[in-house]
Full PDB file with SEQRES, HELIX, SHEET, SSBOND, CRYST1, ORIGX, SCALE, CONECT and MASTER records, all heavy atoms in Angstrom:
SEQRES   1 A   41  GLY ILE LEU TRP HIS VAL LEU PRO LEU VAL VAL SER LEU          
SEQRES   2 A   41  ALA SER TYR ILE LEU LEU ILE LEU SER LEU GLY ARG HIS          
SEQRES   3 A   41  THR GLN GLN MET GLN GLN ASN GLY SER SER SER SER ASP          
SEQRES   4 A   41  PRO SER                                                      
HELIX    1 AA1 ILE A    2  HIS A    5  5                                   4    
HELIX    2 AA2 VAL A    6  GLN A   32  1                                  27    
CRYST1    1.000    1.000    1.000  90.00  90.00  90.00 P 1           1          
ORIGX1      1.000000  0.000000  0.000000        0.00000                         
ORIGX2      0.000000  1.000000  0.000000        0.00000                         
ORIGX3      0.000000  0.000000  1.000000        0.00000                         
SCALE1      1.000000  0.000000  0.000000        0.00000                         
SCALE2      0.000000  1.000000  0.000000        0.00000                         
SCALE3      0.000000  0.000000  1.000000        0.00000                         
ATOM      1  N   GLY A   1     -13.691 -34.738 -13.468  1.00  0.00           N  
ATOM      2  CA  GLY A   1     -13.243 -33.460 -14.040  1.00  0.00           C  
ATOM      3  C   GLY A   1     -14.120 -32.291 -13.609  1.00  0.00           C  
ATOM      4  O   GLY A   1     -13.699 -31.137 -13.650  1.00  0.00           O  
ATOM      5  N   ILE A   2     -15.336 -32.577 -13.202  1.00  0.00           N  
ATOM      6  CA  ILE A   2     -16.272 -31.549 -12.739  1.00  0.00           C  
ATOM      7  C   ILE A   2     -15.727 -30.870 -11.471  1.00  0.00           C  
ATOM      8  O   ILE A   2     -15.981 -29.689 -11.243  1.00  0.00           O  
ATOM      9  CB  ILE A   2     -17.673 -32.145 -12.474  1.00  0.00           C  
ATOM     10  CG1 ILE A   2     -18.234 -32.740 -13.761  1.00  0.00           C  
ATOM     11  CG2 ILE A   2     -18.613 -31.100 -11.908  1.00  0.00           C  
ATOM     12  CD1 ILE A   2     -19.557 -33.480 -13.561  1.00  0.00           C  
ATOM     13  N   LEU A   3     -14.973 -31.625 -10.660  1.00  0.00           N  
ATOM     14  CA  LEU A   3     -14.501 -31.089  -9.376  1.00  0.00           C  
ATOM     15  C   LEU A   3     -13.533 -29.898  -9.526  1.00  0.00           C  
ATOM     16  O   LEU A   3     -13.337 -29.178  -8.542  1.00  0.00           O  
ATOM     17  CB  LEU A   3     -13.813 -32.217  -8.574  1.00  0.00           C  
ATOM     18  CG  LEU A   3     -14.717 -33.377  -8.156  1.00  0.00           C  
ATOM     19  CD1 LEU A   3     -13.921 -34.400  -7.399  1.00  0.00           C  
ATOM     20  CD2 LEU A   3     -15.893 -32.873  -7.321  1.00  0.00           C  
ATOM     21  N   TRP A   4     -12.967 -29.719 -10.734  1.00  0.00           N  
ATOM     22  CA  TRP A   4     -12.094 -28.552 -10.963  1.00  0.00           C  
ATOM     23  C   TRP A   4     -12.875 -27.247 -10.776  1.00  0.00           C  
ATOM     24  O   TRP A   4     -12.277 -26.204 -10.559  1.00  0.00           O  
ATOM     25  CB  TRP A   4     -11.475 -28.606 -12.339  1.00  0.00           C  
ATOM     26  CG  TRP A   4     -10.378 -29.624 -12.486  1.00  0.00           C  
ATOM     27  CD1 TRP A   4     -10.466 -30.866 -13.005  1.00  0.00           C  
ATOM     28  CD2 TRP A   4      -8.996 -29.436 -12.121  1.00  0.00           C  
ATOM     29  NE1 TRP A   4      -9.267 -31.492 -12.980  1.00  0.00           N  
ATOM     30  CE2 TRP A   4      -8.317 -30.638 -12.442  1.00  0.00           C  
ATOM     31  CE3 TRP A   4      -8.268 -28.407 -11.543  1.00  0.00           C  
ATOM     32  CZ2 TRP A   4      -6.976 -30.839 -12.223  1.00  0.00           C  
ATOM     33  CZ3 TRP A   4      -6.916 -28.575 -11.301  1.00  0.00           C  
ATOM     34  CH2 TRP A   4      -6.270 -29.771 -11.659  1.00  0.00           C  
ATOM     35  N   HIS A   5     -14.216 -27.325 -10.900  1.00  0.00           N  
ATOM     36  CA  HIS A   5     -15.044 -26.104 -10.821  1.00  0.00           C  
ATOM     37  C   HIS A   5     -15.417 -25.764  -9.392  1.00  0.00           C  
ATOM     38  O   HIS A   5     -15.964 -24.666  -9.129  1.00  0.00           O  
ATOM     39  CB  HIS A   5     -16.331 -26.277 -11.634  1.00  0.00           C  
ATOM     40  CG  HIS A   5     -16.066 -26.465 -13.115  1.00  0.00           C  
ATOM     41  ND1 HIS A   5     -15.832 -27.705 -13.655  1.00  0.00           N  
ATOM     42  CD2 HIS A   5     -16.069 -25.577 -14.119  1.00  0.00           C  
ATOM     43  CE1 HIS A   5     -15.677 -27.586 -14.934  1.00  0.00           C  
ATOM     44  NE2 HIS A   5     -15.795 -26.297 -15.279  1.00  0.00           N  
ATOM     45  N   VAL A   6     -15.196 -26.672  -8.435  1.00  0.00           N  
ATOM     46  CA  VAL A   6     -15.707 -26.486  -7.058  1.00  0.00           C  
ATOM     47  C   VAL A   6     -14.977 -25.360  -6.359  1.00  0.00           C  
ATOM     48  O   VAL A   6     -15.596 -24.472  -5.725  1.00  0.00           O  
ATOM     49  CB  VAL A   6     -15.593 -27.801  -6.265  1.00  0.00           C  
ATOM     50  CG1 VAL A   6     -15.952 -27.533  -4.792  1.00  0.00           C  
ATOM     51  CG2 VAL A   6     -16.502 -28.857  -6.883  1.00  0.00           C  
ATOM     52  N   LEU A   7     -13.645 -25.298  -6.473  1.00  0.00           N  
ATOM     53  CA  LEU A   7     -12.873 -24.287  -5.751  1.00  0.00           C  
ATOM     54  C   LEU A   7     -13.232 -22.857  -6.154  1.00  0.00           C  
ATOM     55  O   LEU A   7     -13.461 -22.024  -5.267  1.00  0.00           O  
ATOM     56  CB  LEU A   7     -11.363 -24.570  -5.942  1.00  0.00           C  
ATOM     57  CG  LEU A   7     -10.427 -23.652  -5.163  1.00  0.00           C  
ATOM     58  CD1 LEU A   7     -10.734 -23.712  -3.650  1.00  0.00           C  
ATOM     59  CD2 LEU A   7      -8.979 -24.008  -5.420  1.00  0.00           C  
ATOM     60  N   PRO A   8     -13.271 -22.479  -7.436  1.00  0.00           N  
ATOM     61  CA  PRO A   8     -13.683 -21.130  -7.777  1.00  0.00           C  
ATOM     62  C   PRO A   8     -15.095 -20.810  -7.333  1.00  0.00           C  
ATOM     63  O   PRO A   8     -15.399 -19.675  -6.983  1.00  0.00           O  
ATOM     64  CB  PRO A   8     -13.561 -21.066  -9.308  1.00  0.00           C  
ATOM     65  CG  PRO A   8     -13.512 -22.470  -9.779  1.00  0.00           C  
ATOM     66  CD  PRO A   8     -12.886 -23.249  -8.666  1.00  0.00           C  
ATOM     67  N   LEU A   9     -15.970 -21.816  -7.329  1.00  0.00           N  
ATOM     68  CA  LEU A   9     -17.328 -21.587  -6.850  1.00  0.00           C  
ATOM     69  C   LEU A   9     -17.358 -21.216  -5.381  1.00  0.00           C  
ATOM     70  O   LEU A   9     -18.031 -20.313  -4.957  1.00  0.00           O  
ATOM     71  CB  LEU A   9     -18.193 -22.842  -7.118  1.00  0.00           C  
ATOM     72  CG  LEU A   9     -19.621 -22.805  -6.604  1.00  0.00           C  
ATOM     73  CD1 LEU A   9     -20.417 -21.696  -7.297  1.00  0.00           C  
ATOM     74  CD2 LEU A   9     -20.321 -24.166  -6.830  1.00  0.00           C  
ATOM     75  N   VAL A  10     -16.558 -21.944  -4.585  1.00  0.00           N  
ATOM     76  CA  VAL A  10     -16.461 -21.706  -3.139  1.00  0.00           C  
ATOM     77  C   VAL A  10     -15.904 -20.302  -2.869  1.00  0.00           C  
ATOM     78  O   VAL A  10     -16.379 -19.564  -2.010  1.00  0.00           O  
ATOM     79  CB  VAL A  10     -15.632 -22.798  -2.434  1.00  0.00           C  
ATOM     80  CG1 VAL A  10     -15.378 -22.438  -0.972  1.00  0.00           C  
ATOM     81  CG2 VAL A  10     -16.341 -24.136  -2.541  1.00  0.00           C  
ATOM     82  N   VAL A  11     -14.835 -19.948  -3.596  1.00  0.00           N  
ATOM     83  CA  VAL A  11     -14.191 -18.650  -3.389  1.00  0.00           C  
ATOM     84  C   VAL A  11     -15.139 -17.531  -3.759  1.00  0.00           C  
ATOM     85  O   VAL A  11     -15.258 -16.509  -3.041  1.00  0.00           O  
ATOM     86  CB  VAL A  11     -12.903 -18.546  -4.240  1.00  0.00           C  
ATOM     87  CG1 VAL A  11     -12.306 -17.150  -4.176  1.00  0.00           C  
ATOM     88  CG2 VAL A  11     -11.886 -19.559  -3.771  1.00  0.00           C  
ATOM     89  N   SER A  12     -15.871 -17.664  -4.874  1.00  0.00           N  
ATOM     90  CA  SER A  12     -16.845 -16.642  -5.265  1.00  0.00           C  
ATOM     91  C   SER A  12     -17.973 -16.521  -4.258  1.00  0.00           C  
ATOM     92  O   SER A  12     -18.432 -15.410  -3.951  1.00  0.00           O  
ATOM     93  CB  SER A  12     -17.436 -16.980  -6.662  1.00  0.00           C  
ATOM     94  OG  SER A  12     -16.412 -16.955  -7.653  1.00  0.00           O  
ATOM     95  N   LEU A  13     -18.442 -17.660  -3.772  1.00  0.00           N  
ATOM     96  CA  LEU A  13     -19.490 -17.653  -2.760  1.00  0.00           C  
ATOM     97  C   LEU A  13     -19.045 -16.967  -1.490  1.00  0.00           C  
ATOM     98  O   LEU A  13     -19.797 -16.169  -0.883  1.00  0.00           O  
ATOM     99  CB  LEU A  13     -19.950 -19.094  -2.463  1.00  0.00           C  
ATOM    100  CG  LEU A  13     -21.132 -19.290  -1.532  1.00  0.00           C  
ATOM    101  CD1 LEU A  13     -22.382 -18.617  -2.113  1.00  0.00           C  
ATOM    102  CD2 LEU A  13     -21.413 -20.750  -1.281  1.00  0.00           C  
ATOM    103  N   ALA A  14     -17.788 -17.210  -1.066  1.00  0.00           N  
ATOM    104  CA  ALA A  14     -17.247 -16.545   0.106  1.00  0.00           C  
ATOM    105  C   ALA A  14     -17.165 -15.048  -0.093  1.00  0.00           C  
ATOM    106  O   ALA A  14     -17.481 -14.263   0.813  1.00  0.00           O  
ATOM    107  CB  ALA A  14     -15.839 -17.116   0.419  1.00  0.00           C  
ATOM    108  N   SER A  15     -16.737 -14.588  -1.295  1.00  0.00           N  
ATOM    109  CA  SER A  15     -16.693 -13.165  -1.585  1.00  0.00           C  
ATOM    110  C   SER A  15     -18.075 -12.542  -1.509  1.00  0.00           C  
ATOM    111  O   SER A  15     -18.245 -11.405  -0.973  1.00  0.00           O  
ATOM    112  CB  SER A  15     -16.083 -12.938  -2.974  1.00  0.00           C  
ATOM    113  OG  SER A  15     -14.787 -13.475  -3.055  1.00  0.00           O  
ATOM    114  N   TYR A  16     -19.048 -13.227  -2.040  1.00  0.00           N  
ATOM    115  CA  TYR A  16     -20.439 -12.721  -2.025  1.00  0.00           C  
ATOM    116  C   TYR A  16     -20.939 -12.605  -0.587  1.00  0.00           C  
ATOM    117  O   TYR A  16     -21.538 -11.572  -0.212  1.00  0.00           O  
ATOM    118  CB  TYR A  16     -21.305 -13.678  -2.833  1.00  0.00           C  
ATOM    119  CG  TYR A  16     -22.784 -13.338  -2.811  1.00  0.00           C  
ATOM    120  CD1 TYR A  16     -23.260 -12.224  -3.478  1.00  0.00           C  
ATOM    121  CD2 TYR A  16     -23.677 -14.125  -2.089  1.00  0.00           C  
ATOM    122  CE1 TYR A  16     -24.622 -11.897  -3.467  1.00  0.00           C  
ATOM    123  CE2 TYR A  16     -25.032 -13.791  -2.053  1.00  0.00           C  
ATOM    124  CZ  TYR A  16     -25.486 -12.692  -2.755  1.00  0.00           C  
ATOM    125  OH  TYR A  16     -26.819 -12.373  -2.712  1.00  0.00           O  
ATOM    126  N   ILE A  17     -20.715 -13.616   0.213  1.00  0.00           N  
ATOM    127  CA  ILE A  17     -21.151 -13.599   1.619  1.00  0.00           C  
ATOM    128  C   ILE A  17     -20.490 -12.441   2.378  1.00  0.00           C  
ATOM    129  O   ILE A  17     -21.158 -11.729   3.158  1.00  0.00           O  
ATOM    130  CB  ILE A  17     -20.898 -14.943   2.293  1.00  0.00           C  
ATOM    131  CG1 ILE A  17     -21.793 -16.025   1.646  1.00  0.00           C  
ATOM    132  CG2 ILE A  17     -21.172 -14.868   3.794  1.00  0.00           C  
ATOM    133  CD1 ILE A  17     -21.482 -17.438   2.138  1.00  0.00           C  
ATOM    134  N   LEU A  18     -19.177 -12.256   2.175  1.00  0.00           N  
ATOM    135  CA  LEU A  18     -18.477 -11.180   2.870  1.00  0.00           C  
ATOM    136  C   LEU A  18     -19.037  -9.811   2.455  1.00  0.00           C  
ATOM    137  O   LEU A  18     -19.173  -8.915   3.306  1.00  0.00           O  
ATOM    138  CB  LEU A  18     -16.979 -11.274   2.557  1.00  0.00           C  
ATOM    139  CG  LEU A  18     -16.214 -12.400   3.224  1.00  0.00           C  
ATOM    140  CD1 LEU A  18     -14.772 -12.445   2.740  1.00  0.00           C  
ATOM    141  CD2 LEU A  18     -16.239 -12.240   4.755  1.00  0.00           C  
ATOM    142  N   LEU A  19     -19.350  -9.624   1.199  1.00  0.00           N  
ATOM    143  CA  LEU A  19     -19.923  -8.370   0.743  1.00  0.00           C  
ATOM    144  C   LEU A  19     -21.302  -8.115   1.349  1.00  0.00           C  
ATOM    145  O   LEU A  19     -21.639  -6.997   1.735  1.00  0.00           O  
ATOM    146  CB  LEU A  19     -19.993  -8.348  -0.770  1.00  0.00           C  
ATOM    147  CG  LEU A  19     -18.693  -7.934  -1.515  1.00  0.00           C  
ATOM    148  CD1 LEU A  19     -18.817  -8.219  -3.004  1.00  0.00           C  
ATOM    149  CD2 LEU A  19     -18.375  -6.491  -1.272  1.00  0.00           C  
ATOM    150  N   ILE A  20     -22.115  -9.185   1.434  1.00  0.00           N  
ATOM    151  CA  ILE A  20     -23.423  -9.057   2.063  1.00  0.00           C  
ATOM    152  C   ILE A  20     -23.316  -8.664   3.514  1.00  0.00           C  
ATOM    153  O   ILE A  20     -24.005  -7.741   4.009  1.00  0.00           O  
ATOM    154  CB  ILE A  20     -24.197 -10.412   1.944  1.00  0.00           C  
ATOM    155  CG1 ILE A  20     -24.635 -10.653   0.496  1.00  0.00           C  
ATOM    156  CG2 ILE A  20     -25.396 -10.409   2.866  1.00  0.00           C  
ATOM    157  CD1 ILE A  20     -25.782  -9.775   0.046  1.00  0.00           C  
ATOM    158  N   LEU A  21     -22.375  -9.319   4.253  1.00  0.00           N  
ATOM    159  CA  LEU A  21     -22.194  -9.010   5.679  1.00  0.00           C  
ATOM    160  C   LEU A  21     -21.670  -7.572   5.855  1.00  0.00           C  
ATOM    161  O   LEU A  21     -22.096  -6.835   6.746  1.00  0.00           O  
ATOM    162  CB  LEU A  21     -21.208  -9.996   6.301  1.00  0.00           C  
ATOM    163  CG  LEU A  21     -21.684 -11.444   6.411  1.00  0.00           C  
ATOM    164  CD1 LEU A  21     -20.564 -12.369   6.923  1.00  0.00           C  
ATOM    165  CD2 LEU A  21     -22.909 -11.576   7.307  1.00  0.00           C  
ATOM    166  N   SER A  22     -20.737  -7.193   4.948  1.00  0.00           N  
ATOM    167  CA  SER A  22     -20.198  -5.817   5.051  1.00  0.00           C  
ATOM    168  C   SER A  22     -21.236  -4.776   4.760  1.00  0.00           C  
ATOM    169  O   SER A  22     -21.315  -3.739   5.419  1.00  0.00           O  
ATOM    170  CB  SER A  22     -19.032  -5.700   4.050  1.00  0.00           C  
ATOM    171  OG  SER A  22     -18.514  -4.356   4.050  1.00  0.00           O  
ATOM    172  N   LEU A  23     -22.096  -5.056   3.764  1.00  0.00           N  
ATOM    173  CA  LEU A  23     -23.188  -4.115   3.423  1.00  0.00           C  
ATOM    174  C   LEU A  23     -24.167  -3.993   4.612  1.00  0.00           C  
ATOM    175  O   LEU A  23     -24.606  -2.886   4.942  1.00  0.00           O  
ATOM    176  CB  LEU A  23     -23.927  -4.599   2.193  1.00  0.00           C  
ATOM    177  CG  LEU A  23     -25.179  -3.789   1.798  1.00  0.00           C  
ATOM    178  CD1 LEU A  23     -24.796  -2.324   1.482  1.00  0.00           C  
ATOM    179  CD2 LEU A  23     -25.863  -4.393   0.597  1.00  0.00           C  
ATOM    180  N   GLY A  24     -24.460  -5.125   5.263  1.00  0.00           N  
ATOM    181  CA  GLY A  24     -25.360  -5.088   6.413  1.00  0.00           C  
ATOM    182  C   GLY A  24     -24.803  -4.272   7.559  1.00  0.00           C  
ATOM    183  O   GLY A  24     -25.522  -3.450   8.151  1.00  0.00           O  
ATOM    184  N   ARG A  25     -23.500  -4.459   7.845  1.00  0.00           N  
ATOM    185  CA  ARG A  25     -22.888  -3.669   8.902  1.00  0.00           C  
ATOM    186  C   ARG A  25     -22.834  -2.199   8.543  1.00  0.00           C  
ATOM    187  O   ARG A  25     -23.080  -1.306   9.388  1.00  0.00           O  
ATOM    188  CB  ARG A  25     -21.457  -4.184   9.171  1.00  0.00           C  
ATOM    189  CG  ARG A  25     -21.417  -5.549   9.809  1.00  0.00           C  
ATOM    190  CD  ARG A  25     -19.985  -5.990  10.051  1.00  0.00           C  
ATOM    191  NE  ARG A  25     -19.275  -5.008  10.864  1.00  0.00           N  
ATOM    192  CZ  ARG A  25     -17.963  -5.116  11.173  1.00  0.00           C  
ATOM    193  NH1 ARG A  25     -17.285  -6.164  10.733  1.00  0.00           N  
ATOM    194  NH2 ARG A  25     -17.389  -4.192  11.899  1.00  0.00           N  
ATOM    195  N   HIS A  26     -22.490  -1.914   7.279  1.00  0.00           N  
ATOM    196  CA  HIS A  26     -22.404  -0.497   6.863  1.00  0.00           C  
ATOM    197  C   HIS A  26     -23.778   0.199   6.926  1.00  0.00           C  
ATOM    198  O   HIS A  26     -23.868   1.308   7.386  1.00  0.00           O  
ATOM    199  CB  HIS A  26     -21.832  -0.454   5.434  1.00  0.00           C  
ATOM    200  CG  HIS A  26     -21.746   0.950   4.879  1.00  0.00           C  
ATOM    201  ND1 HIS A  26     -20.791   1.841   5.291  1.00  0.00           N  
ATOM    202  CD2 HIS A  26     -22.539   1.578   3.980  1.00  0.00           C  
ATOM    203  CE1 HIS A  26     -20.983   2.979   4.649  1.00  0.00           C  
ATOM    204  NE2 HIS A  26     -22.018   2.862   3.848  1.00  0.00           N  
ATOM    205  N   THR A  27     -24.825  -0.521   6.472  1.00  0.00           N  
ATOM    206  CA  THR A  27     -26.165   0.041   6.507  1.00  0.00           C  
ATOM    207  C   THR A  27     -26.602   0.311   7.947  1.00  0.00           C  
ATOM    208  O   THR A  27     -27.215   1.358   8.240  1.00  0.00           O  
ATOM    209  CB  THR A  27     -27.162  -0.914   5.830  1.00  0.00           C  
ATOM    210  OG1 THR A  27     -26.731  -1.164   4.465  1.00  0.00           O  
ATOM    211  CG2 THR A  27     -28.552  -0.289   5.776  1.00  0.00           C  
ATOM    212  N   GLN A  28     -26.287  -0.595   8.833  1.00  0.00           N  
ATOM    213  CA  GLN A  28     -26.634  -0.440  10.260  1.00  0.00           C  
ATOM    214  C   GLN A  28     -25.932   0.787  10.857  1.00  0.00           C  
ATOM    215  O   GLN A  28     -26.536   1.549  11.600  1.00  0.00           O  
ATOM    216  CB  GLN A  28     -26.247  -1.693  11.021  1.00  0.00           C  
ATOM    217  CG  GLN A  28     -26.729  -1.699  12.473  1.00  0.00           C  
ATOM    218  CD  GLN A  28     -26.393  -3.014  13.190  1.00  0.00           C  
ATOM    219  OE1 GLN A  28     -25.611  -3.809  12.682  1.00  0.00           O  
ATOM    220  NE2 GLN A  28     -26.994  -3.232  14.323  1.00  0.00           N  
ATOM    221  N   GLN A  29     -24.649   0.974  10.515  1.00  0.00           N  
ATOM    222  CA  GLN A  29     -23.907   2.121  11.010  1.00  0.00           C  
ATOM    223  C   GLN A  29     -24.485   3.422  10.480  1.00  0.00           C  
ATOM    224  O   GLN A  29     -24.580   4.411  11.221  1.00  0.00           O  
ATOM    225  CB  GLN A  29     -22.426   2.002  10.630  1.00  0.00           C  
ATOM    226  CG  GLN A  29     -21.688   0.898  11.353  1.00  0.00           C  
ATOM    227  CD  GLN A  29     -20.260   0.712  10.843  1.00  0.00           C  
ATOM    228  OE1 GLN A  29     -19.868   1.395   9.871  1.00  0.00           O  
ATOM    229  NE2 GLN A  29     -19.516  -0.180  11.456  1.00  0.00           N  
ATOM    230  N   MET A  30     -24.880   3.431   9.195  1.00  0.00           N  
ATOM    231  CA  MET A  30     -25.470   4.630   8.586  1.00  0.00           C  
ATOM    232  C   MET A  30     -26.781   4.989   9.263  1.00  0.00           C  
ATOM    233  O   MET A  30     -27.089   6.168   9.504  1.00  0.00           O  
ATOM    234  CB  MET A  30     -25.647   4.418   7.088  1.00  0.00           C  
ATOM    235  CG  MET A  30     -24.353   4.214   6.319  1.00  0.00           C  
ATOM    236  SD  MET A  30     -23.255   5.632   6.359  1.00  0.00           S  
ATOM    237  CE  MET A  30     -24.185   6.811   5.420  1.00  0.00           C  
ATOM    238  N   GLN A  31     -27.558   3.967   9.589  1.00  0.00           N  
ATOM    239  CA  GLN A  31     -28.864   4.227  10.263  1.00  0.00           C  
ATOM    240  C   GLN A  31     -28.664   4.747  11.658  1.00  0.00           C  
ATOM    241  O   GLN A  31     -29.393   5.647  12.129  1.00  0.00           O  
ATOM    242  CB  GLN A  31     -29.693   2.933  10.265  1.00  0.00           C  
ATOM    243  CG  GLN A  31     -30.190   2.506   8.923  1.00  0.00           C  
ATOM    244  CD  GLN A  31     -30.905   1.163   8.960  1.00  0.00           C  
ATOM    245  OE1 GLN A  31     -30.816   0.434   9.934  1.00  0.00           O  
ATOM    246  NE2 GLN A  31     -31.590   0.812   7.880  1.00  0.00           N  
ATOM    247  N   GLN A  32     -27.661   4.242  12.365  1.00  0.00           N  
ATOM    248  CA  GLN A  32     -27.367   4.715  13.702  1.00  0.00           C  
ATOM    249  C   GLN A  32     -26.896   6.142  13.685  1.00  0.00           C  
ATOM    250  O   GLN A  32     -27.185   6.930  14.613  1.00  0.00           O  
ATOM    251  CB  GLN A  32     -26.316   3.824  14.352  1.00  0.00           C  
ATOM    252  CG  GLN A  32     -26.826   2.433  14.712  1.00  0.00           C  
ATOM    253  CD  GLN A  32     -25.725   1.510  15.240  1.00  0.00           C  
ATOM    254  OE1 GLN A  32     -24.558   1.893  15.241  1.00  0.00           O  
ATOM    255  NE2 GLN A  32     -26.105   0.360  15.739  1.00  0.00           N  
ATOM    256  N   ASN A  33     -26.169   6.521  12.629  1.00  0.00           N  
ATOM    257  CA  ASN A  33     -25.684   7.886  12.525  1.00  0.00           C  
ATOM    258  C   ASN A  33     -26.687   8.842  11.911  1.00  0.00           C  
ATOM    259  O   ASN A  33     -26.432  10.031  11.798  1.00  0.00           O  
ATOM    260  CB  ASN A  33     -24.387   7.935  11.706  1.00  0.00           C  
ATOM    261  CG  ASN A  33     -23.253   7.160  12.340  1.00  0.00           C  
ATOM    262  OD1 ASN A  33     -23.215   7.036  13.575  1.00  0.00           O  
ATOM    263  ND2 ASN A  33     -22.345   6.606  11.540  1.00  0.00           N  
ATOM    264  N   GLY A  34     -27.847   8.297  11.487  1.00  0.00           N  
ATOM    265  CA  GLY A  34     -28.870   9.119  10.874  1.00  0.00           C  
ATOM    266  C   GLY A  34     -28.519   9.611   9.506  1.00  0.00           C  
ATOM    267  O   GLY A  34     -29.070  10.627   9.016  1.00  0.00           O  
ATOM    268  N   SER A  35     -27.588   8.901   8.814  1.00  0.00           N  
ATOM    269  CA  SER A  35     -27.151   9.333   7.461  1.00  0.00           C  
ATOM    270  C   SER A  35     -27.982   8.637   6.420  1.00  0.00           C  
ATOM    271  O   SER A  35     -28.693   7.666   6.655  1.00  0.00           O  
ATOM    272  CB  SER A  35     -25.679   9.006   7.281  1.00  0.00           C  
ATOM    273  OG  SER A  35     -24.891   9.612   8.258  1.00  0.00           O  
ATOM    274  N   SER A  36     -27.863   9.110   5.177  1.00  0.00           N  
ATOM    275  CA  SER A  36     -28.564   8.513   4.058  1.00  0.00           C  
ATOM    276  C   SER A  36     -28.005   7.168   3.727  1.00  0.00           C  
ATOM    277  O   SER A  36     -26.789   6.951   3.815  1.00  0.00           O  
ATOM    278  CB  SER A  36     -28.497   9.428   2.817  1.00  0.00           C  
ATOM    279  OG  SER A  36     -29.024   8.792   1.703  1.00  0.00           O  
ATOM    280  N   SER A  37     -28.858   6.226   3.362  1.00  0.00           N  
ATOM    281  CA  SER A  37     -28.415   4.850   3.040  1.00  0.00           C  
ATOM    282  C   SER A  37     -27.952   4.729   1.597  1.00  0.00           C  
ATOM    283  O   SER A  37     -27.572   3.649   1.170  1.00  0.00           O  
ATOM    284  CB  SER A  37     -29.555   3.868   3.287  1.00  0.00           C  
ATOM    285  OG  SER A  37     -30.662   4.193   2.496  1.00  0.00           O  
ATOM    286  N   SER A  38     -27.984   5.827   0.868  1.00  0.00           N  
ATOM    287  CA  SER A  38     -27.581   5.779  -0.552  1.00  0.00           C  
ATOM    288  C   SER A  38     -26.228   6.466  -0.791  1.00  0.00           C  
ATOM    289  O   SER A  38     -26.046   7.162  -1.787  1.00  0.00           O  
ATOM    290  CB  SER A  38     -28.671   6.437  -1.439  1.00  0.00           C  
ATOM    291  OG  SER A  38     -28.839   7.797  -1.058  1.00  0.00           O  
ATOM    292  N   ASP A  39     -25.306   6.336   0.176  1.00  0.00           N  
ATOM    293  CA  ASP A  39     -23.986   6.923   0.012  1.00  0.00           C  
ATOM    294  C   ASP A  39     -23.156   6.145  -0.979  1.00  0.00           C  
ATOM    295  O   ASP A  39     -23.502   5.001  -1.308  1.00  0.00           O  
ATOM    296  CB  ASP A  39     -23.295   6.994   1.368  1.00  0.00           C  
ATOM    297  CG  ASP A  39     -23.006   5.618   1.938  1.00  0.00           C  
ATOM    298  OD1 ASP A  39     -23.992   4.875   2.162  1.00  0.00           O  
ATOM    299  OD2 ASP A  39     -21.837   5.248   2.094  1.00  0.00           O  
ATOM    300  N   PRO A  40     -22.020   6.653  -1.456  1.00  0.00           N  
ATOM    301  CA  PRO A  40     -21.191   5.945  -2.463  1.00  0.00           C  
ATOM    302  C   PRO A  40     -20.754   4.557  -2.023  1.00  0.00           C  
ATOM    303  O   PRO A  40     -20.737   3.625  -2.849  1.00  0.00           O  
ATOM    304  CB  PRO A  40     -19.998   6.876  -2.638  1.00  0.00           C  
ATOM    305  CG  PRO A  40     -20.518   8.254  -2.274  1.00  0.00           C  
ATOM    306  CD  PRO A  40     -21.527   8.010  -1.176  1.00  0.00           C  
ATOM    307  N   SER A  41     -20.423   4.351  -0.764  1.00  0.00           N  
ATOM    308  CA  SER A  41     -19.976   3.053  -0.284  1.00  0.00           C  
ATOM    309  C   SER A  41     -21.083   2.002  -0.395  1.00  0.00           C  
ATOM    310  O   SER A  41     -20.864   0.859  -0.828  1.00  0.00           O  
ATOM    311  CB  SER A  41     -19.490   3.146   1.158  1.00  0.00           C  
ATOM    312  OG  SER A  41     -19.090   1.885   1.639  1.00  0.00           O  
TER     313      SER A  41                                                      
MASTER        0    0    0    2    0    0    0    6  312    1    0    4          
END                                                                             
């Protein structure tokens, strides 16, 4: 019955990883453009 919890855990982990990667790319783009890293996005 514990296995019912595995799928939502995997989906949440995937969402977290995608947000981390997106933040990294966005921060890199902001640095290249010489903009502030504390923008709303």
